PDB file of N, CA and C in Angstrom:
ATOM      1  N   MET A   1       1.003  -0.935  -0.008  1.00  0.00           N
ATOM      2  CA  MET A   1      -0.186   0.044   0.003  1.00  0.00           C
ATOM      3  C   MET A   1       1.240   1.315   0.207  1.00  0.00           C
ATOM      4  N   THR A   2       0.299   2.496  -0.845  1.00  0.00           N
ATOM      5  CA  THR A   2       1.112   3.112  -0.880  1.00  0.00           C
ATOM      6  C   THR A   2       0.392   4.659  -0.168  1.00  0.00           C
ATOM      7  N   PRO A   3       1.180   4.939   1.088  1.00  0.00           N
ATOM      8  CA  PRO A   3       0.902   6.659   1.409  1.00  0.00           C
ATOM      9  C   PRO A   3       0.265   7.450   0.562  1.00  0.00           C
ATOM     10  N   ASP A   4      -0.751   8.141   0.624  1.00  0.00           N
ATOM     11  CA  ASP A   4      -1.244   8.979  -0.338  1.00  0.00           C
ATOM     12  C   ASP A   4      -0.902  10.415   0.174  1.00  0.00           C
ATOM     13  N   PRO A   5       0.145  11.111  -0.668  1.00  0.00           N
ATOM     14  CA  PRO A   5       1.238  12.219  -0.504  1.00  0.00           C
ATOM     15  C   PRO A   5       0.067  13.224   0.153  1.00  0.00           C
ATOM     16  N   LYS A   6      -0.919  13.286  -0.093  1.00  0.00           N
ATOM     17  CA  LYS A   6      -1.968  14.183   0.096  1.00  0.00           C
ATOM     18  C   LYS A   6      -2.706  14.388   1.661  1.00  0.00           C
ATOM     19  N   SER A   7      -3.561  13.028   1.655  1.00  0.00           N
ATOM     20  CA  SER A   7      -3.691  12.797   3.210  1.00  0.00           C
ATOM     21  C   SER A   7      -2.694  11.848   4.083  1.00  0.00           C
ATOM     22  N   GLY A   8      -1.825  11.715   3.765  1.00  0.00           N
ATOM     23  CA  GLY A   8      -0.935  10.754   4.245  1.00  0.00           C
ATOM     24  C   GLY A   8      -2.222   9.234   4.993  1.00  0.00           C
ATOM     25  N   ARG A   9      -2.935   8.993   4.832  1.00  0.00           N
ATOM     26  CA  ARG A   9      -3.722   7.551   4.501  1.00  0.00           C
ATOM     27  C   ARG A   9      -3.098   6.582   3.747  1.00  0.00           C
ATOM     28  N   ARG A  10      -3.383   5.434   4.302  1.00  0.00           N
ATOM     29  CA  ARG A  10      -2.233   4.266   3.255  1.00  0.00           C
ATOM     30  C   ARG A  10      -3.638   4.074   2.115  1.00  0.00           C
ATOM     31  N   ARG A  11      -3.848   3.705   0.781  1.00  0.00           N
ATOM     32  CA  ARG A  11      -4.538   3.213   0.101  1.00  0.00           C
ATOM     33  C   ARG A  11      -4.448   1.862  -0.637  1.00  0.00           C
ATOM     34  N   ARG A  12      -5.784   1.341  -0.572  1.00  0.00           N
ATOM     35  CA  ARG A  12      -5.374  -0.020  -0.596  1.00  0.00           C
ATOM     36  C   ARG A  12      -6.048  -0.437  -2.251  1.00  0.00           C
ATOM     37  N   PHE A  13      -5.771  -0.766  -3.072  1.00  0.00           N
ATOM     38  CA  PHE A  13      -6.495  -0.637  -4.283  1.00  0.00           C
ATOM     39  C   PHE A  13      -6.074  -2.318  -5.164  1.00  0.00           C
ATOM     40  N   THR A  14      -7.542  -2.627  -5.278  1.00  0.00           N
ATOM     41  CA  THR A  14      -7.774  -4.367  -5.512  1.00  0.00           C
ATOM     42  C   THR A  14      -8.961  -4.036  -6.786  1.00  0.00           C
ATOM     43  N   VAL A  15      -8.402  -5.334  -7.217  1.00  0.00           N
ATOM     44  CA  VAL A  15      -9.767  -5.394  -8.439  1.00  0.00           C
ATOM     45  C   VAL A  15     -11.173  -4.990  -7.903  1.00  0.00           C
ATOM     46  N   GLY A  16     -11.852  -4.004  -8.664  1.00  0.00           N
ATOM     47  CA  GLY A  16     -13.157  -3.954  -7.946  1.00  0.00           C
ATOM     48  C   GLY A  16     -12.946  -2.431  -7.812  1.00  0.00           C
ATOM     49  N   THR A  17     -12.203  -2.023  -7.338  1.00  0.00           N
ATOM     50  CA  THR A  17     -11.578  -0.644  -6.652  1.00  0.00           C
ATOM     51  C   THR A  17     -12.451   0.334  -7.768  1.00  0.00           C
ATOM     52  N   ARG A  18     -13.017   1.665  -7.562  1.00  0.00           N
ATOM     53  CA  ARG A  18     -13.162   2.575  -7.997  1.00  0.00           C
ATOM     54  C   ARG A  18     -12.235   3.477  -7.929  1.00  0.00           C
ATOM     55  N   VAL A  19     -11.598   3.733  -9.217  1.00  0.00           N
ATOM     56  CA  VAL A  19     -10.162   4.876  -8.863  1.00  0.00           C
ATOM     57  C   VAL A  19     -10.341   5.805 -10.032  1.00  0.00           C
ATOM     58  N   ARG A  20      -9.340   7.201  -9.601  1.00  0.00           N
ATOM     59  CA  ARG A  20      -9.135   8.419 -10.767  1.00  0.00           C
ATOM     60  C   ARG A  20      -7.554   8.172 -10.887  1.00  0.00           C
ATOM     61  N   THR A  21      -7.350   8.739 -12.338  1.00  0.00           N
ATOM     62  CA  THR A  21      -6.141   8.867 -12.822  1.00  0.00           C
ATOM     63  C   THR A  21      -5.972   9.700 -13.794  1.00  0.00           C
ATOM     64  N   PRO A  22      -4.497  10.672 -14.269  1.00  0.00           N
ATOM     65  CA  PRO A  22      -4.976  11.066 -15.386  1.00  0.00           C
ATOM     66  C   PRO A  22      -4.917  10.480 -16.539  1.00  0.00           C
ATOM     67  N   HIS A  23      -5.775  11.279 -17.767  1.00  0.00           N
ATOM     68  CA  HIS A  23      -5.507  10.224 -18.814  1.00  0.00           C
ATOM     69  C   HIS A  23      -6.097  11.176 -19.731  1.00  0.00           C
ATOM     70  N   SER A  24      -6.020  11.136 -21.293  1.00  0.00           N
ATOM     71  CA  SER A  24      -5.793  11.814 -22.172  1.00  0.00           C
ATOM     72  C   SER A  24      -5.546  11.145 -23.232  1.00  0.00           C
ATOM     73  N   LEU A  25      -6.575  11.295 -24.449  1.00  0.00           N
ATOM     74  CA  LEU A  25      -6.190  10.611 -25.375  1.00  0.00           C
ATOM     75  C   LEU A  25      -5.505  11.835 -26.614  1.00  0.00           C
ATOM     76  N   ASP A  26      -5.448  12.973 -26.222  1.00  0.00           N
ATOM     77  CA  ASP A  26      -4.861  14.138 -27.114  1.00  0.00           C
ATOM     78  C   ASP A  26      -3.514  14.175 -26.818  1.00  0.00           C
ATOM     79  N   PRO A  27      -2.856  13.718 -28.176  1.00  0.00           N
ATOM     80  CA  PRO A  27      -1.388  13.705 -27.720  1.00  0.00           C
ATOM     81  C   PRO A  27      -0.686  15.377 -27.369  1.00  0.00           C
ATOM     82  N   GLN A  28      -1.599  16.196 -27.729  1.00  0.00           N
ATOM     83  CA  GLN A  28      -1.174  17.486 -27.755  1.00  0.00           C
ATOM     84  C   GLN A  28      -0.813  18.093 -26.107  1.00  0.00           C
ATOM     85  N   ILE A  29      -1.341  17.279 -25.463  1.00  0.00           N
ATOM     86  CA  ILE A  29      -1.910  18.032 -23.875  1.00  0.00           C
ATOM     87  C   ILE A  29      -0.362  17.026 -22.879  1.00  0.00           C
ATOM     88  N   PRO A  30       0.133  18.035 -22.786  1.00  0.00           N
ATOM     89  CA  PRO A  30       1.356  17.583 -21.825  1.00  0.00           C
ATOM     90  C   PRO A  30       1.121  16.392 -20.898  1.00  0.00           C
ATOM     91  N   GLU A  31       1.305  15.550 -20.340  1.00  0.00           N
ATOM     92  CA  GLU A  31       1.007  14.244 -19.347  1.00  0.00           C
ATOM     93  C   GLU A  31       0.617  15.097 -18.072  1.00  0.00           C
ATOM     94  N   GLU A  32       1.835  16.179 -17.427  1.00  0.00           N
ATOM     95  CA  GLU A  32       1.051  16.493 -15.853  1.00  0.00           C
ATOM     96  C   GLU A  32       0.255  17.687 -16.565  1.00  0.00           C
ATOM     97  N   GLN A  33      -0.725  17.783 -17.779  1.00  0.00           N
ATOM     98  CA  GLN A  33      -1.927  18.611 -17.387  1.00  0.00           C
ATOM     99  C   GLN A  33      -3.274  17.284 -18.489  1.00  0.00           C
ATOM    100  N   TRP A  34      -2.841  15.927 -18.149  1.00  0.00           N
ATOM    101  CA  TRP A  34      -4.089  15.405 -18.468  1.00  0.00           C
ATOM    102  C   TRP A  34      -5.004  15.472 -17.287  1.00  0.00           C
ATOM    103  N   PRO A  35      -6.568  15.280 -18.007  1.00  0.00           N
ATOM    104  CA  PRO A  35      -7.558  15.538 -16.554  1.00  0.00           C
ATOM    105  C   PRO A  35      -7.755  14.225 -15.891  1.00  0.00           C
ATOM    106  N   LEU A  36      -8.588  14.445 -14.703  1.00  0.00           N
ATOM    107  CA  LEU A  36      -8.998  13.131 -14.386  1.00  0.00           C
ATOM    108  C   LEU A  36     -10.090  12.111 -14.609  1.00  0.00           C
ATOM    109  N   ALA A  37      -9.587  11.133 -14.812  1.00  0.00           N
ATOM    110  CA  ALA A  37     -10.612  10.012 -15.553  1.00  0.00           C
ATOM    111  C   ALA A  37     -10.673   9.044 -14.478  1.00  0.00           C
ATOM    112  N   SER A  38     -12.179   8.804 -14.493  1.00  0.00           N
ATOM    113  CA  SER A  38     -12.838   7.595 -13.549  1.00  0.00           C
ATOM    114  C   SER A  38     -13.188   6.233 -14.128  1.00  0.00           C
ATOM    115  N   GLY A  39     -12.534   5.060 -13.348  1.00  0.00           N
ATOM    116  CA  GLY A  39     -12.922   3.724 -13.789  1.00  0.00           C
ATOM    117  C   GLY A  39     -12.901   3.097 -13.124  1.00  0.00           C
ATOM    118  N   VAL A  40     -12.500   1.538 -13.141  1.00  0.00           N
ATOM    119  CA  VAL A  40     -12.512   0.462 -12.138  1.00  0.00           C
ATOM    120  C   VAL A  40     -11.491  -0.290 -12.312  1.00  0.00           C
ATOM    121  N   ILE A  41     -10.798  -0.697 -11.420  1.00  0.00           N
ATOM    122  CA  ILE A  41      -9.475  -1.428 -11.548  1.00  0.00           C
ATOM    123  C   ILE A  41     -10.479  -3.149 -12.254  1.00  0.00           C
ATOM    124  N   ILE A  42      -9.580  -3.895 -13.190  1.00  0.00           N
ATOM    125  CA  ILE A  42     -10.266  -4.813 -13.846  1.00  0.00           C
ATOM    126  C   ILE A  42      -9.482  -5.838 -13.817  1.00  0.00           C
ATOM    127  N   GLU A  43      -8.009  -5.799 -13.355  1.00  0.00           N
ATOM    128  CA  GLU A  43      -7.307  -6.608 -13.486  1.00  0.00           C
ATOM    129  C   GLU A  43      -5.777  -6.618 -12.874  1.00  0.00           C
ATOM    130  N   ASP A  44      -5.158  -6.963 -11.721  1.00  0.00           N
ATOM    131  CA  ASP A  44      -4.065  -6.917 -11.329  1.00  0.00           C
ATOM    132  C   ASP A  44      -2.583  -7.423 -12.333  1.00  0.00           C
ATOM    133  N   CYS A  45      -2.058  -6.849 -12.889  1.00  0.00           N
ATOM    134  CA  CYS A  45      -1.280  -7.341 -13.314  1.00  0.00           C
ATOM    135  C   CYS A  45       0.187  -7.404 -12.937  1.00  0.00           C
ATOM    136  N   THR A  46       0.451  -7.898 -10.953  1.00  0.00           N
ATOM    137  CA  THR A  46       1.538  -8.206 -10.593  1.00  0.00           C
ATOM    138  C   THR A  46       2.866  -8.497 -11.148  1.00  0.00           C
ATOM    139  N   GLY A  47       2.885  -9.627 -11.950  1.00  0.00           N
ATOM    140  CA  GLY A  47       3.963 -10.144 -12.472  1.00  0.00           C
ATOM    141  C   GLY A  47       4.857  -9.162 -13.141  1.00  0.00           C
ATOM    142  N   GLY A  48       4.656  -8.229 -13.613  1.00  0.00           N
ATOM    143  CA  GLY A  48       5.799  -7.227 -14.669  1.00  0.00           C
ATOM    144  C   GLY A  48       5.997  -5.980 -13.774  1.00  0.00           C
ATOM    145  N   ALA A  49       5.264  -6.226 -12.437  1.00  0.00           N
ATOM    146  CA  ALA A  49       5.201  -4.718 -11.679  1.00  0.00           C
ATOM    147  C   ALA A  49       6.595  -3.760 -11.541  1.00  0.00           C
ATOM    148  N   GLU A  50       7.251  -5.034 -11.260  1.00  0.00           N
ATOM    149  CA  GLU A  50       8.807  -4.482 -10.482  1.00  0.00           C
ATOM    150  C   GLU A  50       9.815  -4.747 -11.699  1.00  0.00           C
ATOM    151  N   VAL A  51       9.414  -4.782 -12.722  1.00  0.00           N
ATOM    152  CA  VAL A  51      10.599  -4.436 -13.781  1.00  0.00           C
ATOM    153  C   VAL A  51      10.866  -2.866 -14.184  1.00  0.00           C
ATOM    154  N   SER A  52      12.235  -2.409 -14.145  1.00  0.00           N
ATOM    155  CA  SER A  52      12.292  -1.285 -14.307  1.00  0.00           C
ATOM    156  C   SER A  52      13.078  -0.809 -15.920  1.00  0.00           C
ATOM    157  N   PRO A  53      12.824   0.086 -16.133  1.00  0.00           N
ATOM    158  CA  PRO A  53      13.243   0.423 -17.697  1.00  0.00           C
ATOM    159  C   PRO A  53      14.732   0.286 -18.498  1.00  0.00           C
ATOM    160  N   GLN A  54      15.570  -0.149 -16.840  1.00  0.00           N
ATOM    161  CA  GLN A  54      16.656  -0.274 -17.554  1.00  0.00           C
ATOM    162  C   GLN A  54      16.661  -1.889 -18.062  1.00  0.00           C
ATOM    163  N   SER A  55      16.126  -2.638 -17.666  1.00  0.00           N
ATOM    164  CA  SER A  55      15.628  -4.225 -17.498  1.00  0.00           C
ATOM    165  C   SER A  55      15.082  -4.077 -18.859  1.00  0.00           C
ATOM    166  N   TYR A  56      14.128  -3.239 -19.337  1.00  0.00           N
ATOM    167  CA  TYR A  56      13.308  -3.738 -21.135  1.00  0.00           C
ATOM    168  C   TYR A  56      14.600  -2.658 -21.684  1.00  0.00           C
ATOM    169  N   GLY A  57      15.322  -1.889 -21.738  1.00  0.00           N
ATOM    170  CA  GLY A  57      16.460  -1.637 -22.503  1.00  0.00           C
ATOM    171  C   GLY A  57      15.181   0.149 -23.191  1.00  0.00           C
ATOM    172  N   ARG A  58      14.497   0.245 -22.667  1.00  0.00           N
ATOM    173  CA  ARG A  58      13.282   1.443 -23.209  1.00  0.00           C
ATOM    174  C   ARG A  58      12.988   2.072 -22.191  1.00  0.00           C
ATOM    175  N   ASP A  59      12.396   3.344 -22.312  1.00  0.00           N
ATOM    176  CA  ASP A  59      11.548   3.900 -21.382  1.00  0.00           C
ATOM    177  C   ASP A  59       9.846   4.014 -21.899  1.00  0.00           C
ATOM    178  N   TRP A  60       9.585   3.136 -23.098  1.00  0.00           N
ATOM    179  CA  TRP A  60       8.218   3.401 -23.372  1.00  0.00           C
ATOM    180  C   TRP A  60       7.441   1.874 -23.175  1.00  0.00           C
ATOM    181  N   ALA A  61       6.398   1.817 -23.477  1.00  0.00           N
ATOM    182  CA  ALA A  61       5.263   0.320 -23.197  1.00  0.00           C
ATOM    183  C   ALA A  61       6.184  -0.160 -22.431  1.00  0.00           C
ATOM    184  N   LEU A  62       6.170   0.218 -21.199  1.00  0.00           N
ATOM    185  CA  LEU A  62       6.362  -0.749 -19.708  1.00  0.00           C
ATOM    186  C   LEU A  62       5.287  -0.901 -19.300  1.00  0.00           C
ATOM    187  N   SER A  63       5.287  -2.487 -18.161  1.00  0.00           N
ATOM    188  CA  SER A  63       4.516  -3.068 -17.847  1.00  0.00           C
ATOM    189  C   SER A  63       3.667  -2.000 -16.169  1.00  0.00           C
ATOM    190  N   ARG A  64       2.777  -2.055 -16.309  1.00  0.00           N
ATOM    191  CA  ARG A  64       2.099  -1.386 -15.085  1.00  0.00           C
ATOM    192  C   ARG A  64       1.137  -2.368 -14.291  1.00  0.00           C
ATOM    193  N   ARG A  65       0.949  -1.882 -12.845  1.00  0.00           N
ATOM    194  CA  ARG A  65       0.588  -3.067 -11.963  1.00  0.00           C
ATOM    195  C   ARG A  65      -0.686  -3.269 -12.123  1.00  0.00           C
ATOM    196  N   TRP A  66      -1.688  -2.115 -12.548  1.00  0.00           N
ATOM    197  CA  TRP A  66      -3.616  -2.255 -12.564  1.00  0.00           C
ATOM    198  C   TRP A  66      -4.154  -2.159 -14.285  1.00  0.00           C
ATOM    199  N   ALA A  67      -4.642  -2.807 -14.427  1.00  0.00           N
ATOM    200  CA  ALA A  67      -5.455  -2.788 -15.743  1.00  0.00           C
ATOM    201  C   ALA A  67      -7.011  -1.964 -15.419  1.00  0.00           C
ATOM    202  N   ILE A  68      -6.846  -0.835 -16.110  1.00  0.00           N
ATOM    203  CA  ILE A  68      -8.327  -0.274 -15.269  1.00  0.00           C
ATOM    204  C   ILE A  68      -9.251   0.190 -16.818  1.00  0.00           C
ATOM    205  N   ALA A  69     -10.288  -0.236 -16.386  1.00  0.00           N
ATOM    206  CA  ALA A  69     -11.555  -0.117 -17.667  1.00  0.00           C
ATOM    207  C   ALA A  69     -12.221   1.322 -17.374  1.00  0.00           C
ATOM    208  N   LEU A  70     -11.841   2.209 -17.946  1.00  0.00           N
ATOM    209  CA  LEU A  70     -12.143   4.235 -17.683  1.00  0.00           C
ATOM    210  C   LEU A  70     -13.938   4.153 -18.120  1.00  0.00           C
ATOM    211  N   ASP A  71     -14.676   4.570 -17.205  1.00  0.00           N
ATOM    212  CA  ASP A  71     -15.641   4.937 -17.612  1.00  0.00           C
ATOM    213  C   ASP A  71     -16.266   5.370 -19.572  1.00  0.00           C
ATOM    214  N   ASP A  72     -15.120   6.114 -19.850  1.00  0.00           N
ATOM    215  CA  ASP A  72     -15.490   6.363 -20.762  1.00  0.00           C
ATOM    216  C   ASP A  72     -15.165   5.428 -22.080  1.00  0.00           C
ATOM    217  N   GLY A  73     -15.014   3.710 -21.529  1.00  0.00           N
ATOM    218  CA  GLY A  73     -14.735   2.862 -22.461  1.00  0.00           C
ATOM    219  C   GLY A  73     -13.512   2.139 -22.794  1.00  0.00           C
ATOM    220  N   ASN A  74     -12.460   3.477 -22.320  1.00  0.00           N
ATOM    221  CA  ASN A  74     -10.937   3.208 -22.833  1.00  0.00           C
ATOM    222  C   ASN A  74     -10.507   2.265 -21.576  1.00  0.00           C
ATOM    223  N   LEU A  75      -9.241   0.984 -22.009  1.00  0.00           N
ATOM    224  CA  LEU A  75      -8.714   0.518 -21.199  1.00  0.00           C
ATOM    225  C   LEU A  75      -7.270   0.888 -20.832  1.00  0.00           C
ATOM    226  N   ILE A  76      -7.043   1.279 -19.703  1.00  0.00           N
ATOM    227  CA  ILE A  76      -5.040   1.790 -19.671  1.00  0.00           C
ATOM    228  C   ILE A  76      -4.471   1.031 -18.607  1.00  0.00           C
ATOM    229  N   PHE A  77      -3.418   1.021 -18.197  1.00  0.00           N
ATOM    230  CA  PHE A  77      -2.742   0.587 -17.345  1.00  0.00           C
ATOM    231  C   PHE A  77      -1.689   1.439 -16.687  1.00  0.00           C
ATOM    232  N   ARG A  78      -2.053   1.749 -14.987  1.00  0.00           N
ATOM    233  CA  ARG A  78      -1.381   2.484 -14.579  1.00  0.00           C
ATOM    234  C   ARG A  78      -0.613   1.544 -13.019  1.00  0.00           C
ATOM    235  N   ASP A  79       0.069   2.254 -12.552  1.00  0.00           N
ATOM    236  CA  ASP A  79       0.690   1.864 -11.136  1.00  0.00           C
ATOM    237  C   ASP A  79       0.160   2.631  -9.507  1.00  0.00           C
ATOM    238  N   ASN A  80       0.125   2.085  -8.809  1.00  0.00           N
ATOM    239  CA  ASN A  80      -0.367   2.746  -7.372  1.00  0.00           C
ATOM    240  C   ASN A  80      -0.295   4.184  -7.524  1.00  0.00           C
ATOM    241  N   GLU A  81       1.243   4.564  -8.077  1.00  0.00           N
ATOM    242  CA  GLU A  81       1.289   6.175  -7.451  1.00  0.00           C
ATOM    243  C   GLU A  81       0.356   6.667  -8.710  1.00  0.00           C
ATOM    244  N   ASP A  82       0.129   6.233  -9.926  1.00  0.00           N
ATOM    245  CA  ASP A  82      -0.952   7.554 -10.450  1.00  0.00           C
ATOM    246  C   ASP A  82      -2.224   7.010 -10.196  1.00  0.00           C
ATOM    247  N   LEU A  83      -2.704   6.232  -9.137  1.00  0.00           N
ATOM    248  CA  LEU A  83      -4.177   6.367  -8.698  1.00  0.00           C
ATOM    249  C   LEU A  83      -4.554   7.132  -7.830  1.00  0.00           C
ATOM    250  N   ASP A  84      -5.721   7.376  -7.622  1.00  0.00           N
ATOM    251  CA  ASP A  84      -6.196   8.102  -6.497  1.00  0.00           C
ATOM    252  C   ASP A  84      -7.956   7.312  -6.095  1.00  0.00           C
ATOM    253  N   ASP A  85      -7.791   7.278  -4.648  1.00  0.00           N
ATOM    254  CA  ASP A  85      -9.175   6.938  -4.580  1.00  0.00           C
ATOM    255  C   ASP A  85     -10.446   7.617  -5.088  1.00  0.00           C
ATOM    256  N   GLU A  86     -11.485   6.570  -5.644  1.00  0.00           N
ATOM    257  CA  GLU A  86     -12.706   7.676  -6.521  1.00  0.00           C
ATOM    258  C   GLU A  86     -13.401   8.278  -5.007  1.00  0.00           C
ATOM    259  N   GLU A  87     -13.305   9.690  -4.976  1.00  0.00           N
ATOM    260  CA  GLU A  87     -14.009  10.106  -3.759  1.00  0.00           C
ATOM    261  C   GLU A  87     -15.681  10.110  -4.155  1.00  0.00           C
ATOM    262  N   PRO A  88     -16.685   9.814  -3.312  1.00  0.00           N
ATOM    263  CA  PRO A  88     -17.681   9.948  -3.691  1.00  0.00           C
ATOM    264  C   PRO A  88     -18.329  11.099  -3.786  1.00  0.00           C
ATOM    265  N   ASP A  89     -19.378  11.516  -4.416  1.00  0.00           N
ATOM    266  CA  ASP A  89     -20.161  12.377  -5.227  1.00  0.00           C
ATOM    267  C   ASP A  89     -20.702  13.023  -4.241  1.00  0.00           C
ATOM    268  N   THR A  90     -20.393  14.182  -3.230  1.00  0.00           N
ATOM    269  CA  THR A  90     -20.945  15.244  -2.270  1.00  0.00           C
ATOM    270  C   THR A  90     -21.797  16.254  -2.361  1.00  0.00           C
ATOM    271  N   GLU A  91     -21.758  16.436  -4.340  1.00  0.00           N
ATOM    272  CA  GLU A  91     -22.543  17.235  -4.539  1.00  0.00           C
ATOM    273  C   GLU A  91     -23.965  16.721  -4.981  1.00  0.00           C
ATOM    274  N   ALA A  92     -24.015  15.208  -4.897  1.00  0.00           N
ATOM    275  CA  ALA A  92     -25.355  14.534  -5.299  1.00  0.00           C
ATOM    276  C   ALA A  92     -26.386  14.504  -4.239  1.00  0.00           C
ATOM    277  N   THR A  93     -27.426  14.606  -3.937  1.00  0.00           N
ATOM    278  CA  THR A  93     -28.286  14.207  -2.568  1.00  0.00           C
ATOM    279  C   THR A  93     -29.596  14.275  -3.174  1.00  0.00           C
TER     280      THR A  93
END
């Protein structure tokens, strides 16, 4: 489990957890400006999570820990540090 740098509490992710993560299909938007997208973790891909870019010999298309089905229909892969718990919508009552 990775402590959330904002709240300090430990985050626990499992298959079925709803999460938010930065994501964009627009190649013109820099990664640090991607908006948050919501989805659900559908697979734990632990087997390759500890492989470094040096092991692959490249820094692109690396393995990630979680497979996430976004609400918009996209399938993406992320590590723990790229995820945040999806907070309940407090405006809907």
